[in-house]
């Protein structure tokens, strides 16, 4: 368990470099929520989704729905929503 925020961030960056899908997802969430950097969030979530993270697929579908960081695109929205649903994401399965 990291003993400081700095240690946590250092560990997160190491995990991102190793293509850890959850670390990529977390960095995307930080960019999206804390920084308002939708384009960067999109990049992190795209990589996370490609590595099998269903939360990332769901968030990408929402970005395509709202046009945040990307142009609105119904076809891509449905693709990511379906991937999340097929992968068992509970929210995606009932949308």
N, C-alpha and C. Protein backbone atom coordinates (compact mmCIF):
# COMPACT_ATOMS: atom_id res chain seq x y z
N UNK A 1 0.85 -1.18 0.00
CA UNK A 1 0.00 0.00 0.00
C UNK A 1 0.89 1.24 0.00
N UNK A 2 0.66 2.15 -0.94
CA UNK A 2 1.47 3.37 -0.99
C UNK A 2 1.31 4.19 0.29
N UNK A 3 2.41 4.81 0.70
CA UNK A 3 2.40 5.59 1.94
C UNK A 3 2.15 7.07 1.69
N UNK A 4 2.13 7.48 0.43
CA UNK A 4 1.90 8.88 0.11
C UNK A 4 1.26 8.98 -1.28
N UNK A 5 0.75 10.15 -1.57
CA UNK A 5 0.16 10.40 -2.88
C UNK A 5 1.24 10.29 -3.96
N UNK A 6 2.43 10.79 -3.66
CA UNK A 6 3.53 10.72 -4.62
C UNK A 6 3.88 9.27 -4.94
N UNK A 7 3.91 8.44 -3.91
CA UNK A 7 4.22 7.03 -4.13
C UNK A 7 3.11 6.36 -4.94
N UNK A 8 1.87 6.70 -4.64
CA UNK A 8 0.73 6.16 -5.40
C UNK A 8 0.86 6.54 -6.88
N UNK A 9 1.15 7.82 -7.14
CA UNK A 9 1.27 8.29 -8.52
C UNK A 9 2.43 7.62 -9.24
N UNK A 10 3.54 7.44 -8.55
CA UNK A 10 4.70 6.77 -9.15
C UNK A 10 4.35 5.33 -9.52
N UNK A 11 3.66 4.64 -8.62
CA UNK A 11 3.24 3.26 -8.89
C UNK A 11 2.24 3.21 -10.05
N UNK A 12 1.33 4.17 -10.10
CA UNK A 12 0.35 4.22 -11.18
C UNK A 12 1.04 4.39 -12.53
N UNK A 13 2.03 5.27 -12.59
CA UNK A 13 2.75 5.49 -13.85
C UNK A 13 3.50 4.23 -14.29
N UNK A 14 4.07 3.50 -13.34
CA UNK A 14 4.74 2.24 -13.67
C UNK A 14 3.74 1.24 -14.25
N UNK A 15 2.56 1.19 -13.65
CA UNK A 15 1.53 0.26 -14.13
C UNK A 15 1.02 0.67 -15.51
N UNK A 16 0.94 1.97 -15.76
CA UNK A 16 0.52 2.46 -17.09
C UNK A 16 1.55 2.05 -18.13
N UNK A 17 2.82 2.21 -17.79
CA UNK A 17 3.88 1.82 -18.72
C UNK A 17 3.84 0.33 -19.03
N UNK A 18 3.34 -0.46 -18.08
CA UNK A 18 3.23 -1.91 -18.27
C UNK A 18 1.89 -2.30 -18.92
N UNK A 19 1.11 -1.30 -19.37
CA UNK A 19 -0.19 -1.52 -20.01
C UNK A 19 -1.19 -2.23 -19.11
N UNK A 20 -1.23 -1.86 -17.85
CA UNK A 20 -2.23 -2.37 -16.91
C UNK A 20 -3.56 -1.70 -17.24
N UNK A 21 -4.58 -2.46 -17.68
CA UNK A 21 -5.83 -1.84 -18.10
C UNK A 21 -6.52 -1.03 -17.00
N UNK A 22 -6.41 -1.49 -15.75
CA UNK A 22 -7.06 -0.75 -14.66
C UNK A 22 -6.33 0.57 -14.40
N UNK A 23 -5.00 0.56 -14.47
CA UNK A 23 -4.24 1.80 -14.27
C UNK A 23 -4.55 2.79 -15.39
N UNK A 24 -4.65 2.32 -16.62
CA UNK A 24 -5.02 3.18 -17.74
C UNK A 24 -6.41 3.76 -17.52
N UNK A 25 -7.33 2.93 -17.03
CA UNK A 25 -8.68 3.40 -16.75
C UNK A 25 -8.67 4.49 -15.68
N UNK A 26 -7.91 4.25 -14.61
CA UNK A 26 -7.83 5.22 -13.51
C UNK A 26 -7.26 6.55 -13.99
N UNK A 27 -6.22 6.51 -14.80
CA UNK A 27 -5.64 7.75 -15.32
C UNK A 27 -6.65 8.47 -16.21
N UNK A 28 -7.40 7.72 -16.99
CA UNK A 28 -8.46 8.33 -17.80
C UNK A 28 -9.50 9.02 -16.93
N UNK A 29 -9.86 8.38 -15.84
CA UNK A 29 -10.85 8.97 -14.92
C UNK A 29 -10.30 10.26 -14.31
N UNK A 30 -9.02 10.24 -13.94
CA UNK A 30 -8.40 11.44 -13.38
C UNK A 30 -8.41 12.57 -14.41
N UNK A 31 -8.03 12.25 -15.63
CA UNK A 31 -8.01 13.27 -16.68
C UNK A 31 -9.42 13.82 -16.94
N UNK A 32 -10.39 12.94 -16.93
CA UNK A 32 -11.77 13.33 -17.22
C UNK A 32 -12.37 14.16 -16.08
N UNK A 33 -12.34 13.61 -14.88
CA UNK A 33 -13.04 14.25 -13.75
C UNK A 33 -12.27 15.38 -13.11
N UNK A 34 -11.00 15.19 -12.87
CA UNK A 34 -10.24 16.20 -12.13
C UNK A 34 -9.66 17.28 -13.04
N UNK A 35 -9.24 16.89 -14.24
CA UNK A 35 -8.58 17.84 -15.14
C UNK A 35 -9.51 18.39 -16.22
N UNK A 36 -10.62 17.70 -16.48
CA UNK A 36 -11.51 18.11 -17.57
C UNK A 36 -10.88 17.94 -18.94
N UNK A 37 -9.88 17.08 -19.01
CA UNK A 37 -9.15 16.83 -20.27
C UNK A 37 -9.77 15.61 -20.95
N UNK A 38 -10.83 15.85 -21.71
CA UNK A 38 -11.59 14.77 -22.31
C UNK A 38 -10.80 14.02 -23.38
N UNK A 39 -9.99 14.74 -24.14
CA UNK A 39 -9.22 14.07 -25.19
C UNK A 39 -8.21 13.10 -24.61
N UNK A 40 -7.55 13.49 -23.54
CA UNK A 40 -6.59 12.61 -22.89
C UNK A 40 -7.32 11.43 -22.25
N UNK A 41 -8.45 11.70 -21.62
CA UNK A 41 -9.25 10.62 -21.03
C UNK A 41 -9.64 9.61 -22.11
N UNK A 42 -10.05 10.13 -23.26
CA UNK A 42 -10.43 9.26 -24.37
C UNK A 42 -9.27 8.35 -24.77
N UNK A 43 -8.07 8.90 -24.83
CA UNK A 43 -6.90 8.09 -25.21
C UNK A 43 -6.62 7.00 -24.19
N UNK A 44 -6.66 7.34 -22.91
CA UNK A 44 -6.41 6.33 -21.88
C UNK A 44 -7.51 5.26 -21.88
N UNK A 45 -8.76 5.70 -21.98
CA UNK A 45 -9.86 4.73 -21.97
C UNK A 45 -9.87 3.87 -23.22
N UNK A 46 -9.46 4.42 -24.36
CA UNK A 46 -9.39 3.61 -25.58
C UNK A 46 -8.39 2.49 -25.43
N UNK A 47 -7.24 2.80 -24.87
CA UNK A 47 -6.22 1.77 -24.66
C UNK A 47 -6.68 0.75 -23.63
N UNK A 48 -7.31 1.23 -22.57
CA UNK A 48 -7.83 0.33 -21.54
C UNK A 48 -8.90 -0.60 -22.11
N UNK A 49 -9.78 -0.05 -22.92
CA UNK A 49 -10.84 -0.85 -23.53
C UNK A 49 -10.24 -1.91 -24.46
N UNK A 50 -9.23 -1.52 -25.22
CA UNK A 50 -8.58 -2.47 -26.13
C UNK A 50 -7.94 -3.63 -25.36
N UNK A 51 -7.61 -3.36 -24.09
CA UNK A 51 -7.03 -4.41 -23.24
C UNK A 51 -8.08 -5.15 -22.43
N UNK A 52 -9.37 -4.86 -22.69
CA UNK A 52 -10.45 -5.63 -22.09
C UNK A 52 -11.16 -5.03 -20.91
N UNK A 53 -10.97 -3.75 -20.63
CA UNK A 53 -11.64 -3.13 -19.49
C UNK A 53 -13.05 -2.70 -19.89
N UNK A 54 -14.06 -3.29 -19.27
CA UNK A 54 -15.44 -3.02 -19.63
C UNK A 54 -15.91 -1.65 -19.14
N UNK A 55 -15.37 -1.16 -18.02
CA UNK A 55 -15.71 0.19 -17.57
C UNK A 55 -15.25 1.21 -18.61
N UNK A 56 -14.10 0.98 -19.20
CA UNK A 56 -13.59 1.88 -20.23
C UNK A 56 -14.51 1.86 -21.45
N UNK A 57 -14.98 0.69 -21.86
CA UNK A 57 -15.92 0.61 -22.98
C UNK A 57 -17.18 1.42 -22.67
N UNK A 58 -17.70 1.28 -21.46
CA UNK A 58 -18.91 2.02 -21.11
C UNK A 58 -18.65 3.52 -21.15
N UNK A 59 -17.53 3.96 -20.60
CA UNK A 59 -17.23 5.39 -20.60
C UNK A 59 -17.03 5.93 -22.01
N UNK A 60 -16.42 5.14 -22.88
CA UNK A 60 -16.27 5.56 -24.27
C UNK A 60 -17.63 5.71 -24.94
N UNK A 61 -18.56 4.81 -24.62
CA UNK A 61 -19.90 4.92 -25.22
C UNK A 61 -20.57 6.21 -24.77
N UNK A 62 -20.35 6.61 -23.53
CA UNK A 62 -20.93 7.85 -23.02
C UNK A 62 -20.28 9.06 -23.69
N UNK A 63 -18.97 8.99 -23.91
CA UNK A 63 -18.29 10.09 -24.58
C UNK A 63 -18.83 10.26 -26.00
N UNK A 64 -19.05 9.14 -26.70
CA UNK A 64 -19.61 9.23 -28.06
C UNK A 64 -21.06 9.71 -28.04
N UNK A 65 -21.78 9.42 -26.99
CA UNK A 65 -23.15 9.90 -26.85
C UNK A 65 -23.18 11.41 -26.65
N UNK A 66 -22.32 11.90 -25.75
CA UNK A 66 -22.32 13.31 -25.37
C UNK A 66 -21.43 14.19 -26.24
N UNK A 67 -20.54 13.58 -27.00
CA UNK A 67 -19.61 14.35 -27.82
C UNK A 67 -18.53 15.04 -27.00
N UNK A 68 -18.12 14.41 -25.92
CA UNK A 68 -17.07 14.97 -25.05
C UNK A 68 -15.71 14.43 -25.49
N UNK A 69 -14.89 15.31 -26.05
CA UNK A 69 -13.57 14.90 -26.50
C UNK A 69 -13.56 14.21 -27.85
N UNK A 70 -14.73 13.87 -28.35
CA UNK A 70 -14.89 13.21 -29.65
C UNK A 70 -16.18 13.75 -30.29
N UNK A 71 -16.29 13.54 -31.59
CA UNK A 71 -17.56 13.88 -32.25
C UNK A 71 -18.60 12.85 -31.85
N UNK A 72 -19.84 13.30 -31.70
CA UNK A 72 -20.92 12.35 -31.43
C UNK A 72 -20.95 11.32 -32.55
N UNK A 73 -21.13 10.05 -32.15
CA UNK A 73 -21.13 9.00 -33.16
C UNK A 73 -21.94 7.83 -32.62
N UNK A 74 -23.13 7.67 -33.15
CA UNK A 74 -24.04 6.64 -32.65
C UNK A 74 -23.50 5.23 -32.90
N UNK A 75 -22.89 5.01 -34.04
CA UNK A 75 -22.36 3.68 -34.36
C UNK A 75 -21.26 3.27 -33.37
N UNK A 76 -20.33 4.19 -33.10
CA UNK A 76 -19.26 3.89 -32.14
C UNK A 76 -19.79 3.80 -30.72
N UNK A 77 -20.79 4.62 -30.40
CA UNK A 77 -21.41 4.55 -29.08
C UNK A 77 -21.99 3.16 -28.84
N UNK A 78 -22.74 2.67 -29.82
CA UNK A 78 -23.35 1.35 -29.69
C UNK A 78 -22.31 0.24 -29.65
N UNK A 79 -21.24 0.40 -30.42
CA UNK A 79 -20.17 -0.62 -30.41
C UNK A 79 -19.60 -0.76 -29.00
N UNK A 80 -19.24 0.35 -28.38
CA UNK A 80 -18.63 0.28 -27.04
C UNK A 80 -19.65 -0.14 -25.99
N UNK A 81 -20.89 0.28 -26.15
CA UNK A 81 -21.92 -0.15 -25.21
C UNK A 81 -22.14 -1.66 -25.31
N UNK A 82 -22.18 -2.18 -26.53
CA UNK A 82 -22.36 -3.62 -26.72
C UNK A 82 -21.15 -4.40 -26.21
N UNK A 83 -19.94 -3.90 -26.43
CA UNK A 83 -18.75 -4.58 -25.91
C UNK A 83 -18.81 -4.66 -24.38
N UNK A 84 -19.21 -3.56 -23.75
CA UNK A 84 -19.32 -3.55 -22.29
C UNK A 84 -20.40 -4.53 -21.82
N UNK A 85 -21.53 -4.56 -22.53
CA UNK A 85 -22.62 -5.47 -22.16
C UNK A 85 -22.21 -6.92 -22.34
N UNK A 86 -21.58 -7.23 -23.46
CA UNK A 86 -21.12 -8.60 -23.72
C UNK A 86 -20.10 -9.02 -22.67
N UNK A 87 -19.28 -8.05 -22.23
CA UNK A 87 -18.27 -8.31 -21.21
C UNK A 87 -18.83 -8.41 -19.81
N UNK A 88 -20.15 -8.20 -19.68
CA UNK A 88 -20.80 -8.38 -18.39
C UNK A 88 -20.97 -7.12 -17.54
N UNK A 89 -20.71 -5.95 -18.12
CA UNK A 89 -20.87 -4.73 -17.33
C UNK A 89 -22.35 -4.56 -16.99
N UNK A 90 -22.69 -4.46 -15.69
CA UNK A 90 -24.10 -4.44 -15.28
C UNK A 90 -24.89 -3.24 -15.81
N UNK A 91 -24.28 -2.08 -15.87
CA UNK A 91 -24.99 -0.91 -16.39
C UNK A 91 -25.23 -1.05 -17.88
N UNK A 92 -24.22 -1.47 -18.60
CA UNK A 92 -24.34 -1.61 -20.06
C UNK A 92 -25.36 -2.67 -20.43
N UNK A 93 -25.49 -3.70 -19.63
CA UNK A 93 -26.41 -4.79 -19.95
C UNK A 93 -27.86 -4.35 -19.92
N UNK A 94 -28.17 -3.28 -19.21
CA UNK A 94 -29.56 -2.85 -19.08
C UNK A 94 -29.82 -1.51 -19.75
N UNK A 95 -28.97 -1.14 -20.71
CA UNK A 95 -29.17 0.09 -21.48
C UNK A 95 -29.41 -0.23 -22.93
